[in-house]
PDB file of N, CA and C in Angstrom:
ATOM      1  N   UNK A   1     -37.790 -26.341 -29.448  1.00  0.00           N
ATOM      2  CA  UNK A   1     -38.596 -26.524 -28.267  1.00  0.00           C
ATOM      3  C   UNK A   1     -38.041 -27.704 -27.461  1.00  0.00           C
ATOM      4  N   UNK A   2     -38.075 -27.542 -26.162  1.00  0.00           N
ATOM      5  CA  UNK A   2     -37.570 -28.583 -25.266  1.00  0.00           C
ATOM      6  C   UNK A   2     -38.610 -28.870 -24.192  1.00  0.00           C
ATOM      7  N   UNK A   3     -38.482 -30.016 -23.549  1.00  0.00           N
ATOM      8  CA  UNK A   3     -39.373 -30.382 -22.459  1.00  0.00           C
ATOM      9  C   UNK A   3     -38.760 -29.946 -21.138  1.00  0.00           C
ATOM     10  N   UNK A   4     -39.599 -29.386 -20.267  1.00  0.00           N
ATOM     11  CA  UNK A   4     -39.166 -28.929 -18.956  1.00  0.00           C
ATOM     12  C   UNK A   4     -40.156 -29.420 -17.912  1.00  0.00           C
ATOM     13  N   UNK A   5     -39.647 -29.776 -16.745  1.00  0.00           N
ATOM     14  CA  UNK A   5     -40.479 -30.161 -15.610  1.00  0.00           C
ATOM     15  C   UNK A   5     -40.474 -29.032 -14.592  1.00  0.00           C
ATOM     16  N   UNK A   6     -41.654 -28.702 -14.090  1.00  0.00           N
ATOM     17  CA  UNK A   6     -41.802 -27.668 -13.066  1.00  0.00           C
ATOM     18  C   UNK A   6     -42.523 -28.265 -11.871  1.00  0.00           C
ATOM     19  N   UNK A   7     -42.066 -27.897 -10.679  1.00  0.00           N
ATOM     20  CA  UNK A   7     -42.666 -28.383  -9.441  1.00  0.00           C
ATOM     21  C   UNK A   7     -43.333 -27.224  -8.713  1.00  0.00           C
ATOM     22  N   UNK A   8     -44.556 -27.459  -8.249  1.00  0.00           N
ATOM     23  CA  UNK A   8     -45.303 -26.475  -7.469  1.00  0.00           C
ATOM     24  C   UNK A   8     -45.415 -26.992  -6.044  1.00  0.00           C
ATOM     25  N   UNK A   9     -44.789 -26.291  -5.107  1.00  0.00           N
ATOM     26  CA  UNK A   9     -44.818 -26.699  -3.707  1.00  0.00           C
ATOM     27  C   UNK A   9     -46.214 -26.545  -3.107  1.00  0.00           C
ATOM     28  N   UNK A  10     -46.981 -25.586  -3.610  1.00  0.00           N
ATOM     29  CA  UNK A  10     -48.310 -25.327  -3.062  1.00  0.00           C
ATOM     30  C   UNK A  10     -49.253 -26.522  -3.210  1.00  0.00           C
ATOM     31  N   UNK A  11     -49.057 -27.323  -4.268  1.00  0.00           N
ATOM     32  CA  UNK A  11     -49.936 -28.480  -4.468  1.00  0.00           C
ATOM     33  C   UNK A  11     -49.159 -29.796  -4.635  1.00  0.00           C
ATOM     34  N   UNK A  12     -47.851 -29.741  -4.493  1.00  0.00           N
ATOM     35  CA  UNK A  12     -46.981 -30.917  -4.578  1.00  0.00           C
ATOM     36  C   UNK A  12     -47.119 -31.638  -5.918  1.00  0.00           C
ATOM     37  N   UNK A  13     -47.263 -30.857  -6.984  1.00  0.00           N
ATOM     38  CA  UNK A  13     -47.402 -31.439  -8.324  1.00  0.00           C
ATOM     39  C   UNK A  13     -46.220 -31.063  -9.194  1.00  0.00           C
ATOM     40  N   UNK A  14     -45.847 -31.981 -10.066  1.00  0.00           N
ATOM     41  CA  UNK A  14     -44.834 -31.746 -11.092  1.00  0.00           C
ATOM     42  C   UNK A  14     -45.517 -31.868 -12.441  1.00  0.00           C
ATOM     43  N   UNK A  15     -45.283 -30.884 -13.304  1.00  0.00           N
ATOM     44  CA  UNK A  15     -45.914 -30.863 -14.620  1.00  0.00           C
ATOM     45  C   UNK A  15     -44.828 -30.658 -15.671  1.00  0.00           C
ATOM     46  N   UNK A  16     -44.925 -31.401 -16.761  1.00  0.00           N
ATOM     47  CA  UNK A  16     -43.983 -31.290 -17.870  1.00  0.00           C
ATOM     48  C   UNK A  16     -44.624 -30.475 -18.985  1.00  0.00           C
ATOM     49  N   UNK A  17     -43.871 -29.502 -19.490  1.00  0.00           N
ATOM     50  CA  UNK A  17     -44.341 -28.697 -20.614  1.00  0.00           C
ATOM     51  C   UNK A  17     -43.223 -28.528 -21.624  1.00  0.00           C
ATOM     52  N   UNK A  18     -43.594 -28.210 -22.835  1.00  0.00           N
ATOM     53  CA  UNK A  18     -42.640 -27.950 -23.910  1.00  0.00           C
ATOM     54  C   UNK A  18     -42.675 -26.450 -24.213  1.00  0.00           C
ATOM     55  N   UNK A  19     -41.487 -25.851 -24.197  1.00  0.00           N
ATOM     56  CA  UNK A  19     -41.397 -24.441 -24.584  1.00  0.00           C
ATOM     57  C   UNK A  19     -39.980 -24.117 -25.015  1.00  0.00           C
ATOM     58  N   UNK A  20     -39.816 -22.959 -25.619  1.00  0.00           N
ATOM     59  CA  UNK A  20     -38.510 -22.520 -26.084  1.00  0.00           C
ATOM     60  C   UNK A  20     -37.579 -22.190 -24.932  1.00  0.00           C
ATOM     61  N   UNK A  21     -36.286 -22.254 -25.198  1.00  0.00           N
ATOM     62  CA  UNK A  21     -35.287 -21.987 -24.166  1.00  0.00           C
ATOM     63  C   UNK A  21     -35.372 -20.558 -23.639  1.00  0.00           C
ATOM     64  N   UNK A  22     -35.805 -19.635 -24.460  1.00  0.00           N
ATOM     65  CA  UNK A  22     -35.867 -18.233 -24.034  1.00  0.00           C
ATOM     66  C   UNK A  22     -37.109 -17.914 -23.200  1.00  0.00           C
ATOM     67  N   UNK A  23     -38.061 -18.826 -23.151  1.00  0.00           N
ATOM     68  CA  UNK A  23     -39.270 -18.623 -22.362  1.00  0.00           C
ATOM     69  C   UNK A  23     -39.029 -19.028 -20.911  1.00  0.00           C
ATOM     70  N   UNK A  24     -39.764 -18.399 -20.001  1.00  0.00           N
ATOM     71  CA  UNK A  24     -39.702 -18.802 -18.602  1.00  0.00           C
ATOM     72  C   UNK A  24     -41.116 -18.896 -18.050  1.00  0.00           C
ATOM     73  N   UNK A  25     -41.307 -19.842 -17.155  1.00  0.00           N
ATOM     74  CA  UNK A  25     -42.600 -20.053 -16.523  1.00  0.00           C
ATOM     75  C   UNK A  25     -42.377 -19.865 -15.033  1.00  0.00           C
ATOM     76  N   UNK A  26     -43.042 -18.902 -14.449  1.00  0.00           N
ATOM     77  CA  UNK A  26     -42.791 -18.537 -13.051  1.00  0.00           C
ATOM     78  C   UNK A  26     -43.912 -18.924 -12.093  1.00  0.00           C
ATOM     79  N   UNK A  27     -45.155 -19.030 -12.591  1.00  0.00           N
ATOM     80  CA  UNK A  27     -46.284 -19.267 -11.692  1.00  0.00           C
ATOM     81  C   UNK A  27     -47.121 -20.474 -12.130  1.00  0.00           C
ATOM     82  N   UNK A  28     -47.891 -20.998 -11.164  1.00  0.00           N
ATOM     83  CA  UNK A  28     -48.774 -22.130 -11.428  1.00  0.00           C
ATOM     84  C   UNK A  28     -49.782 -21.795 -12.528  1.00  0.00           C
ATOM     85  N   UNK A  29     -50.311 -20.592 -12.518  1.00  0.00           N
ATOM     86  CA  UNK A  29     -51.278 -20.186 -13.538  1.00  0.00           C
ATOM     87  C   UNK A  29     -50.674 -20.210 -14.938  1.00  0.00           C
ATOM     88  N   UNK A  30     -49.452 -19.688 -15.074  1.00  0.00           N
ATOM     89  CA  UNK A  30     -48.766 -19.707 -16.373  1.00  0.00           C
ATOM     90  C   UNK A  30     -48.541 -21.148 -16.835  1.00  0.00           C
ATOM     91  N   UNK A  31     -48.116 -21.996 -15.908  1.00  0.00           N
ATOM     92  CA  UNK A  31     -47.837 -23.390 -16.235  1.00  0.00           C
ATOM     93  C   UNK A  31     -49.108 -24.108 -16.688  1.00  0.00           C
ATOM     94  N   UNK A  32     -50.197 -23.909 -15.960  1.00  0.00           N
ATOM     95  CA  UNK A  32     -51.457 -24.555 -16.312  1.00  0.00           C
ATOM     96  C   UNK A  32     -51.938 -24.115 -17.690  1.00  0.00           C
ATOM     97  N   UNK A  33     -51.800 -22.829 -17.986  1.00  0.00           N
ATOM     98  CA  UNK A  33     -52.208 -22.321 -19.294  1.00  0.00           C
ATOM     99  C   UNK A  33     -51.360 -22.959 -20.396  1.00  0.00           C
ATOM    100  N   UNK A  34     -50.062 -23.034 -20.173  1.00  0.00           N
ATOM    101  CA  UNK A  34     -49.152 -23.592 -21.161  1.00  0.00           C
ATOM    102  C   UNK A  34     -49.388 -25.093 -21.351  1.00  0.00           C
ATOM    103  N   UNK A  35     -49.671 -25.810 -20.252  1.00  0.00           N
ATOM    104  CA  UNK A  35     -49.867 -27.258 -20.307  1.00  0.00           C
ATOM    105  C   UNK A  35     -51.297 -27.636 -20.692  1.00  0.00           C
ATOM    106  N   UNK A  36     -52.212 -26.677 -20.648  1.00  0.00           N
ATOM    107  CA  UNK A  36     -53.601 -26.974 -20.971  1.00  0.00           C
ATOM    108  C   UNK A  36     -54.301 -27.782 -19.893  1.00  0.00           C
ATOM    109  N   UNK A  37     -53.957 -27.501 -18.621  1.00  0.00           N
ATOM    110  CA  UNK A  37     -54.586 -28.211 -17.504  1.00  0.00           C
ATOM    111  C   UNK A  37     -55.319 -27.225 -16.606  1.00  0.00           C
ATOM    112  N   UNK A  38     -56.226 -27.760 -15.804  1.00  0.00           N
ATOM    113  CA  UNK A  38     -57.000 -26.949 -14.875  1.00  0.00           C
ATOM    114  C   UNK A  38     -56.139 -26.604 -13.655  1.00  0.00           C
ATOM    115  N   UNK A  39     -56.191 -25.366 -13.213  1.00  0.00           N
ATOM    116  CA  UNK A  39     -55.393 -24.923 -12.064  1.00  0.00           C
ATOM    117  C   UNK A  39     -55.937 -25.471 -10.755  1.00  0.00           C
ATOM    118  N   UNK A  40     -57.166 -25.913 -10.742  1.00  0.00           N
ATOM    119  CA  UNK A  40     -57.760 -26.445  -9.521  1.00  0.00           C
ATOM    120  C   UNK A  40     -57.845 -25.382  -8.440  1.00  0.00           C
ATOM    121  N   UNK A  41     -57.598 -25.778  -7.188  1.00  0.00           N
ATOM    122  CA  UNK A  41     -57.694 -24.857  -6.056  1.00  0.00           C
ATOM    123  C   UNK A  41     -56.395 -24.112  -5.778  1.00  0.00           C
ATOM    124  N   UNK A  42     -55.351 -24.411  -6.507  1.00  0.00           N
ATOM    125  CA  UNK A  42     -54.054 -23.772  -6.283  1.00  0.00           C
ATOM    126  C   UNK A  42     -54.084 -22.345  -6.810  1.00  0.00           C
ATOM    127  N   UNK A  43     -53.619 -21.376  -6.017  1.00  0.00           N
ATOM    128  CA  UNK A  43     -53.596 -19.982  -6.487  1.00  0.00           C
ATOM    129  C   UNK A  43     -52.761 -19.853  -7.758  1.00  0.00           C
ATOM    130  N   UNK A  44     -53.256 -19.064  -8.707  1.00  0.00           N
ATOM    131  CA  UNK A  44     -52.555 -18.877  -9.976  1.00  0.00           C
ATOM    132  C   UNK A  44     -51.175 -18.262  -9.791  1.00  0.00           C
ATOM    133  N   UNK A  45     -50.972 -17.511  -8.707  1.00  0.00           N
ATOM    134  CA  UNK A  45     -49.675 -16.861  -8.508  1.00  0.00           C
ATOM    135  C   UNK A  45     -48.700 -17.702  -7.677  1.00  0.00           C
ATOM    136  N   UNK A  46     -49.042 -18.966  -7.408  1.00  0.00           N
ATOM    137  CA  UNK A  46     -48.138 -19.857  -6.666  1.00  0.00           C
ATOM    138  C   UNK A  46     -46.851 -20.030  -7.460  1.00  0.00           C
ATOM    139  N   UNK A  47     -45.696 -19.877  -6.813  1.00  0.00           N
ATOM    140  CA  UNK A  47     -44.420 -19.972  -7.525  1.00  0.00           C
ATOM    141  C   UNK A  47     -44.060 -21.412  -7.888  1.00  0.00           C
ATOM    142  N   UNK A  48     -43.200 -21.536  -8.882  1.00  0.00           N
ATOM    143  CA  UNK A  48     -42.741 -22.833  -9.368  1.00  0.00           C
ATOM    144  C   UNK A  48     -41.239 -22.966  -9.187  1.00  0.00           C
ATOM    145  N   UNK A  49     -40.793 -24.202  -9.239  1.00  0.00           N
ATOM    146  CA  UNK A  49     -39.358 -24.484  -9.268  1.00  0.00           C
ATOM    147  C   UNK A  49     -39.107 -25.341 -10.507  1.00  0.00           C
ATOM    148  N   UNK A  50     -38.188 -24.908 -11.347  1.00  0.00           N
ATOM    149  CA  UNK A  50     -37.823 -25.668 -12.537  1.00  0.00           C
ATOM    150  C   UNK A  50     -36.904 -26.805 -12.103  1.00  0.00           C
ATOM    151  N   UNK A  51     -37.237 -28.021 -12.508  1.00  0.00           N
ATOM    152  CA  UNK A  51     -36.458 -29.194 -12.127  1.00  0.00           C
ATOM    153  C   UNK A  51     -35.456 -29.538 -13.221  1.00  0.00           C
ATOM    154  N   UNK A  52     -34.376 -30.126 -12.799  1.00  0.00           N
ATOM    155  CA  UNK A  52     -33.378 -30.599 -13.757  1.00  0.00           C
ATOM    156  C   UNK A  52     -33.833 -31.952 -14.272  1.00  0.00           C
ATOM    157  N   UNK A  53     -33.876 -32.091 -15.576  1.00  0.00           N
ATOM    158  CA  UNK A  53     -34.276 -33.345 -16.168  1.00  0.00           C
ATOM    159  C   UNK A  53     -33.091 -34.081 -16.753  1.00  0.00           C
ATOM    160  N   UNK A  54     -33.285 -35.348 -17.019  1.00  0.00           N
ATOM    161  CA  UNK A  54     -32.236 -36.141 -17.661  1.00  0.00           C
ATOM    162  C   UNK A  54     -32.266 -35.870 -19.152  1.00  0.00           C
ATOM    163  N   UNK A  55     -31.123 -35.568 -19.740  1.00  0.00           N
ATOM    164  CA  UNK A  55     -31.097 -35.323 -21.183  1.00  0.00           C
ATOM    165  C   UNK A  55     -31.363 -36.603 -21.950  1.00  0.00           C
ATOM    166  N   UNK A  56     -31.958 -36.465 -23.114  1.00  0.00           N
ATOM    167  CA  UNK A  56     -32.216 -37.608 -23.980  1.00  0.00           C
ATOM    168  C   UNK A  56     -31.035 -37.728 -24.929  1.00  0.00           C
ATOM    169  N   UNK A  57     -30.331 -38.877 -24.932  1.00  0.00           N
ATOM    170  CA  UNK A  57     -29.195 -39.031 -25.840  1.00  0.00           C
ATOM    171  C   UNK A  57     -29.637 -38.889 -27.287  1.00  0.00           C
ATOM    172  N   UNK A  58     -28.891 -38.134 -28.044  1.00  0.00           N
ATOM    173  CA  UNK A  58     -29.183 -37.942 -29.458  1.00  0.00           C
ATOM    174  C   UNK A  58     -27.951 -38.365 -30.247  1.00  0.00           C
ATOM    175  N   UNK A  59     -28.175 -38.998 -31.374  1.00  0.00           N
ATOM    176  CA  UNK A  59     -27.071 -39.410 -32.228  1.00  0.00           C
ATOM    177  C   UNK A  59     -27.346 -38.956 -33.641  1.00  0.00           C
ATOM    178  N   UNK A  60     -26.341 -38.911 -34.426  1.00  0.00           N
ATOM    179  CA  UNK A  60     -26.485 -38.541 -35.828  1.00  0.00           C
ATOM    180  C   UNK A  60     -26.592 -39.752 -36.725  1.00  0.00           C
ATOM    181  N   UNK A  61     -26.661 -40.933 -36.163  1.00  0.00           N
ATOM    182  CA  UNK A  61     -26.673 -42.157 -36.945  1.00  0.00           C
ATOM    183  C   UNK A  61     -28.087 -42.674 -37.118  1.00  0.00           C
ATOM    184  N   UNK A  62     -28.377 -43.139 -38.316  1.00  0.00           N
ATOM    185  CA  UNK A  62     -29.665 -43.789 -38.556  1.00  0.00           C
ATOM    186  C   UNK A  62     -29.438 -45.175 -39.140  1.00  0.00           C
ATOM    187  N   UNK A  63     -28.256 -45.751 -38.885  1.00  0.00           N
ATOM    188  CA  UNK A  63     -27.899 -47.028 -39.483  1.00  0.00           C
ATOM    189  C   UNK A  63     -28.596 -48.220 -38.844  1.00  0.00           C
ATOM    190  N   UNK A  64     -29.206 -48.015 -37.672  1.00  0.00           N
ATOM    191  CA  UNK A  64     -29.857 -49.123 -36.999  1.00  0.00           C
ATOM    192  C   UNK A  64     -28.923 -49.858 -36.067  1.00  0.00           C
ATOM    193  N   UNK A  65     -27.617 -49.596 -36.168  1.00  0.00           N
ATOM    194  CA  UNK A  65     -26.682 -50.228 -35.246  1.00  0.00           C
ATOM    195  C   UNK A  65     -26.718 -49.490 -33.922  1.00  0.00           C
ATOM    196  N   UNK A  66     -26.018 -49.988 -32.922  1.00  0.00           N
ATOM    197  CA  UNK A  66     -25.995 -49.370 -31.600  1.00  0.00           C
ATOM    198  C   UNK A  66     -24.902 -48.308 -31.584  1.00  0.00           C
ATOM    199  N   UNK A  67     -25.237 -47.050 -31.912  1.00  0.00           N
ATOM    200  CA  UNK A  67     -24.228 -45.994 -31.974  1.00  0.00           C
ATOM    201  C   UNK A  67     -23.765 -45.588 -30.582  1.00  0.00           C
ATOM    202  N   UNK A  68     -22.608 -44.934 -30.526  1.00  0.00           N
ATOM    203  CA  UNK A  68     -22.111 -44.417 -29.255  1.00  0.00           C
ATOM    204  C   UNK A  68     -23.072 -43.365 -28.751  1.00  0.00           C
ATOM    205  N   UNK A  69     -23.309 -43.313 -27.439  1.00  0.00           N
ATOM    206  CA  UNK A  69     -24.211 -42.305 -26.898  1.00  0.00           C
ATOM    207  C   UNK A  69     -23.659 -40.899 -27.104  1.00  0.00           C
ATOM    208  N   UNK A  70     -24.549 -39.915 -27.111  1.00  0.00           N
ATOM    209  CA  UNK A  70     -24.163 -38.534 -27.363  1.00  0.00           C
ATOM    210  C   UNK A  70     -23.212 -37.994 -26.309  1.00  0.00           C
ATOM    211  N   UNK A  71     -23.240 -38.544 -25.104  1.00  0.00           N
ATOM    212  CA  UNK A  71     -22.388 -38.020 -24.047  1.00  0.00           C
ATOM    213  C   UNK A  71     -20.957 -38.544 -24.138  1.00  0.00           C
ATOM    214  N   UNK A  72     -20.679 -39.436 -25.080  1.00  0.00           N
ATOM    215  CA  UNK A  72     -19.322 -39.923 -25.280  1.00  0.00           C
ATOM    216  C   UNK A  72     -18.743 -40.586 -24.051  1.00  0.00           C
ATOM    217  N   UNK A  73     -17.602 -40.114 -23.617  1.00  0.00           N
ATOM    218  CA  UNK A  73     -16.948 -40.726 -22.457  1.00  0.00           C
ATOM    219  C   UNK A  73     -16.929 -39.791 -21.260  1.00  0.00           C
ATOM    220  N   UNK A  74     -17.873 -38.870 -21.204  1.00  0.00           N
ATOM    221  CA  UNK A  74     -17.943 -37.942 -20.073  1.00  0.00           C
ATOM    222  C   UNK A  74     -18.199 -38.652 -18.765  1.00  0.00           C
ATOM    223  N   UNK A  75     -17.768 -38.059 -17.673  1.00  0.00           N
ATOM    224  CA  UNK A  75     -17.875 -38.675 -16.356  1.00  0.00           C
ATOM    225  C   UNK A  75     -19.301 -38.945 -15.906  1.00  0.00           C
ATOM    226  N   UNK A  76     -20.279 -38.243 -16.475  1.00  0.00           N
ATOM    227  CA  UNK A  76     -21.666 -38.426 -16.049  1.00  0.00           C
ATOM    228  C   UNK A  76     -22.375 -39.501 -16.840  1.00  0.00           C
ATOM    229  N   UNK A  77     -21.725 -40.047 -17.815  1.00  0.00           N
ATOM    230  CA  UNK A  77     -22.382 -40.957 -18.735  1.00  0.00           C
ATOM    231  C   UNK A  77     -22.523 -42.361 -18.149  1.00  0.00           C
ATOM    232  N   UNK A  78     -23.731 -42.949 -18.176  1.00  0.00           N
ATOM    233  CA  UNK A  78     -23.911 -44.298 -17.647  1.00  0.00           C
ATOM    234  C   UNK A  78     -23.315 -45.363 -18.557  1.00  0.00           C
ATOM    235  N   UNK A  79     -22.862 -44.974 -19.752  1.00  0.00           N
ATOM    236  CA  UNK A  79     -22.313 -45.943 -20.713  1.00  0.00           C
ATOM    237  C   UNK A  79     -20.810 -46.128 -20.542  1.00  0.00           C
ATOM    238  N   UNK A  80     -20.185 -45.432 -19.585  1.00  0.00           N
ATOM    239  CA  UNK A  80     -18.728 -45.564 -19.374  1.00  0.00           C
ATOM    240  C   UNK A  80     -18.390 -46.892 -18.777  1.00  0.00           C
TER     241      UNK A  80
END
């Protein structure tokens, strides 16, 4: 399971939910049900836009030292 952010233009809200990579969330109603929030006055069929999120660096080390970030020396890495 991964965290995903979805934006609804109809109400200018961004909501974060956790779901599997194979799942898709297309409407405000689906998102509200998945997130356990009230849909409010926004139509349940209002479309969503999936936002790109920042990945969380993961390492295989549990030594307590400052391990190299998971992105290594890639051009997008802030640790370069």
